[in-house]
N, C-alpha and C. Protein backbone atom coordinates (compact mmCIF):
# COMPACT_ATOMS: atom_id res chain seq x y z
N UNK A 1 66.34 -86.82 -19.43
CA UNK A 1 67.58 -87.68 -19.55
C UNK A 1 67.92 -88.44 -18.77
N UNK A 2 67.41 -88.81 -17.77
CA UNK A 2 67.41 -90.26 -17.25
C UNK A 2 66.91 -90.83 -17.37
N UNK A 3 65.87 -90.61 -18.58
CA UNK A 3 64.65 -91.66 -19.32
C UNK A 3 65.18 -92.21 -20.07
N UNK A 4 65.97 -91.38 -20.97
CA UNK A 4 66.69 -91.21 -22.52
C UNK A 4 68.04 -92.41 -21.87
N UNK A 5 68.62 -92.12 -20.84
CA UNK A 5 69.66 -92.60 -21.15
C UNK A 5 69.88 -93.99 -20.18
N UNK A 6 68.19 -94.61 -19.18
CA UNK A 6 68.19 -95.52 -18.80
C UNK A 6 67.49 -95.97 -19.95
N UNK A 7 66.93 -95.62 -21.28
CA UNK A 7 65.99 -96.39 -22.01
C UNK A 7 64.97 -96.66 -21.84
N UNK A 8 64.67 -95.76 -20.62
CA UNK A 8 63.29 -96.61 -20.11
C UNK A 8 61.63 -95.92 -21.40
N UNK A 9 61.69 -96.61 -22.24
CA UNK A 9 60.64 -95.78 -22.98
C UNK A 9 59.56 -95.08 -22.96
N UNK A 10 58.96 -95.92 -21.83
CA UNK A 10 56.86 -95.61 -21.67
C UNK A 10 57.54 -94.50 -20.80
N UNK A 11 58.22 -94.62 -19.49
CA UNK A 11 58.50 -93.08 -19.31
C UNK A 11 58.65 -92.04 -20.13
N UNK A 12 59.65 -92.33 -21.27
CA UNK A 12 60.04 -91.30 -21.98
C UNK A 12 58.62 -90.81 -22.72
N UNK A 13 57.77 -91.17 -22.73
CA UNK A 13 56.94 -91.28 -24.45
C UNK A 13 55.65 -90.20 -22.88
N UNK A 14 55.96 -90.96 -21.80
CA UNK A 14 54.68 -90.46 -20.74
C UNK A 14 55.38 -88.67 -20.32
N UNK A 15 56.67 -88.32 -20.33
CA UNK A 15 57.03 -87.22 -20.10
C UNK A 15 56.88 -86.26 -21.51
N UNK A 16 56.76 -86.94 -22.33
CA UNK A 16 57.06 -86.18 -23.87
C UNK A 16 55.04 -85.46 -23.75
N UNK A 17 54.39 -86.30 -23.14
CA UNK A 17 52.65 -86.35 -23.70
C UNK A 17 52.43 -85.38 -22.67
N UNK A 18 53.22 -85.31 -21.18
CA UNK A 18 52.94 -84.17 -20.49
C UNK A 18 53.57 -83.28 -20.77
N UNK A 19 54.54 -83.16 -21.85
CA UNK A 19 54.84 -81.46 -21.77
C UNK A 19 56.73 -81.17 -20.78
N UNK A 20 56.64 -82.61 -21.49
CA UNK A 20 58.27 -81.55 -21.01
C UNK A 20 59.29 -81.39 -22.17
N UNK A 21 60.30 -80.91 -21.45
CA UNK A 21 61.05 -79.60 -22.82
C UNK A 21 62.35 -81.02 -22.94
N UNK A 22 62.06 -81.02 -24.31
CA UNK A 22 62.84 -82.45 -25.32
C UNK A 22 64.15 -81.65 -25.37
N UNK A 23 63.89 -80.32 -25.30
CA UNK A 23 65.41 -79.69 -25.91
C UNK A 23 66.08 -79.26 -23.87
N UNK A 24 65.98 -79.43 -23.10
CA UNK A 24 66.22 -78.93 -21.84
C UNK A 24 68.24 -79.87 -22.12
N UNK A 25 68.52 -79.20 -21.31
CA UNK A 25 70.28 -79.96 -21.56
C UNK A 25 71.15 -79.71 -20.14
N UNK A 26 71.95 -80.70 -19.92
CA UNK A 26 72.38 -80.53 -18.95
C UNK A 26 73.82 -79.97 -18.76
N UNK A 27 74.50 -79.86 -18.34
CA UNK A 27 76.34 -79.29 -18.27
C UNK A 27 77.22 -79.59 -19.54
N UNK A 28 76.76 -80.92 -20.03
CA UNK A 28 77.11 -81.68 -21.41
C UNK A 28 76.59 -82.49 -22.59
N UNK A 29 75.44 -82.28 -21.59
CA UNK A 29 74.29 -83.13 -22.66
C UNK A 29 72.88 -82.96 -23.24
N UNK A 30 72.64 -83.41 -24.67
CA UNK A 30 70.94 -83.40 -24.23
C UNK A 30 70.46 -85.02 -24.80
N UNK A 31 69.26 -84.90 -24.52
CA UNK A 31 68.25 -86.40 -24.53
C UNK A 31 69.06 -86.60 -25.82
N UNK A 32 68.91 -85.60 -26.76
CA UNK A 32 69.38 -86.83 -28.34
C UNK A 32 70.71 -87.35 -28.21
N UNK A 33 71.59 -86.51 -27.99
CA UNK A 33 72.69 -86.83 -27.27
C UNK A 33 72.75 -88.44 -27.00
N UNK A 34 71.89 -88.50 -25.57
CA UNK A 34 72.00 -89.73 -24.82
C UNK A 34 71.29 -90.69 -25.70
N UNK A 35 70.53 -90.84 -26.35
CA UNK A 35 69.40 -91.34 -27.19
C UNK A 35 70.56 -91.75 -28.23
N UNK A 36 71.37 -91.35 -28.97
CA UNK A 36 72.65 -92.08 -29.81
C UNK A 36 73.23 -92.08 -29.19
N UNK A 37 74.15 -91.57 -27.86
CA UNK A 37 75.59 -92.28 -27.58
C UNK A 37 74.90 -93.77 -27.18
N UNK A 38 73.38 -94.38 -26.61
CA UNK A 38 73.27 -95.67 -26.08
C UNK A 38 72.49 -96.57 -26.91
N UNK A 39 72.54 -95.52 -28.39
CA UNK A 39 72.64 -96.57 -29.47
C UNK A 39 70.73 -97.34 -29.52
N UNK A 40 69.96 -95.72 -28.93
CA UNK A 40 68.35 -95.85 -28.57
C UNK A 40 68.04 -95.11 -29.53
N UNK A 41 67.53 -95.97 -30.70
CA UNK A 41 66.37 -95.88 -32.02
C UNK A 41 65.72 -95.22 -31.58
N UNK A 42 64.26 -96.56 -31.13
CA UNK A 42 63.11 -95.51 -30.47
C UNK A 42 63.23 -94.48 -30.16
N UNK A 43 64.06 -94.02 -29.03
CA UNK A 43 63.63 -93.11 -28.69
C UNK A 43 64.54 -91.58 -29.11
N UNK A 44 65.13 -91.73 -30.20
CA UNK A 44 65.60 -91.04 -30.74
C UNK A 44 65.11 -90.66 -31.99
N UNK A 45 63.68 -91.73 -32.69
CA UNK A 45 62.84 -91.31 -33.53
C UNK A 45 61.21 -90.76 -32.20
N UNK A 46 61.33 -91.07 -31.19
CA UNK A 46 60.73 -90.19 -30.31
C UNK A 46 60.87 -88.78 -30.43
N UNK A 47 62.48 -88.34 -30.22
CA UNK A 47 62.69 -86.99 -29.89
C UNK A 47 62.57 -86.62 -30.95
N UNK A 48 62.79 -86.90 -32.08
CA UNK A 48 62.74 -86.03 -33.70
C UNK A 48 61.11 -86.03 -33.33
N UNK A 49 60.06 -87.04 -33.50
CA UNK A 49 58.40 -86.66 -33.87
C UNK A 49 58.45 -85.66 -32.81
N UNK A 50 59.26 -85.18 -31.76
CA UNK A 50 58.61 -84.46 -30.86
C UNK A 50 59.33 -82.87 -30.84
N UNK A 51 59.77 -82.94 -32.21
CA UNK A 51 60.52 -81.44 -32.75
C UNK A 51 61.92 -81.26 -31.81
N UNK A 52 62.73 -81.83 -31.66
CA UNK A 52 63.50 -81.67 -30.36
C UNK A 52 64.55 -81.15 -31.58
N UNK A 53 64.97 -79.70 -31.25
CA UNK A 53 66.03 -78.58 -31.83
C UNK A 53 67.55 -79.78 -31.94
N UNK A 54 67.39 -80.81 -33.87
CA UNK A 54 68.37 -81.24 -34.01
C UNK A 54 70.25 -80.49 -34.18
N UNK A 55 69.68 -79.17 -34.19
CA UNK A 55 71.07 -78.95 -34.69
C UNK A 55 72.03 -77.62 -33.02
N UNK A 56 71.12 -78.98 -32.47
CA UNK A 56 72.30 -78.16 -30.94
C UNK A 56 72.98 -78.25 -30.43
N UNK A 57 74.24 -78.19 -30.42
CA UNK A 57 75.21 -78.10 -30.22
C UNK A 57 75.52 -78.43 -28.30
N UNK A 58 76.53 -80.21 -28.85
CA UNK A 58 76.56 -80.70 -27.40
C UNK A 58 78.48 -81.02 -27.18
């Protein structure tokens, strides 16, 4: 989520490649919410390609 919030796509891609849980969330948000909130369209696309659960409510 930190890589998503910061918009660092290279770190983000590496984490996904290494098997990071794209559906992980903290108390308030998940990576998809952070990507949407930050207008990080490239990261939204990567999350969708990594099969993030788009029905997760935050």
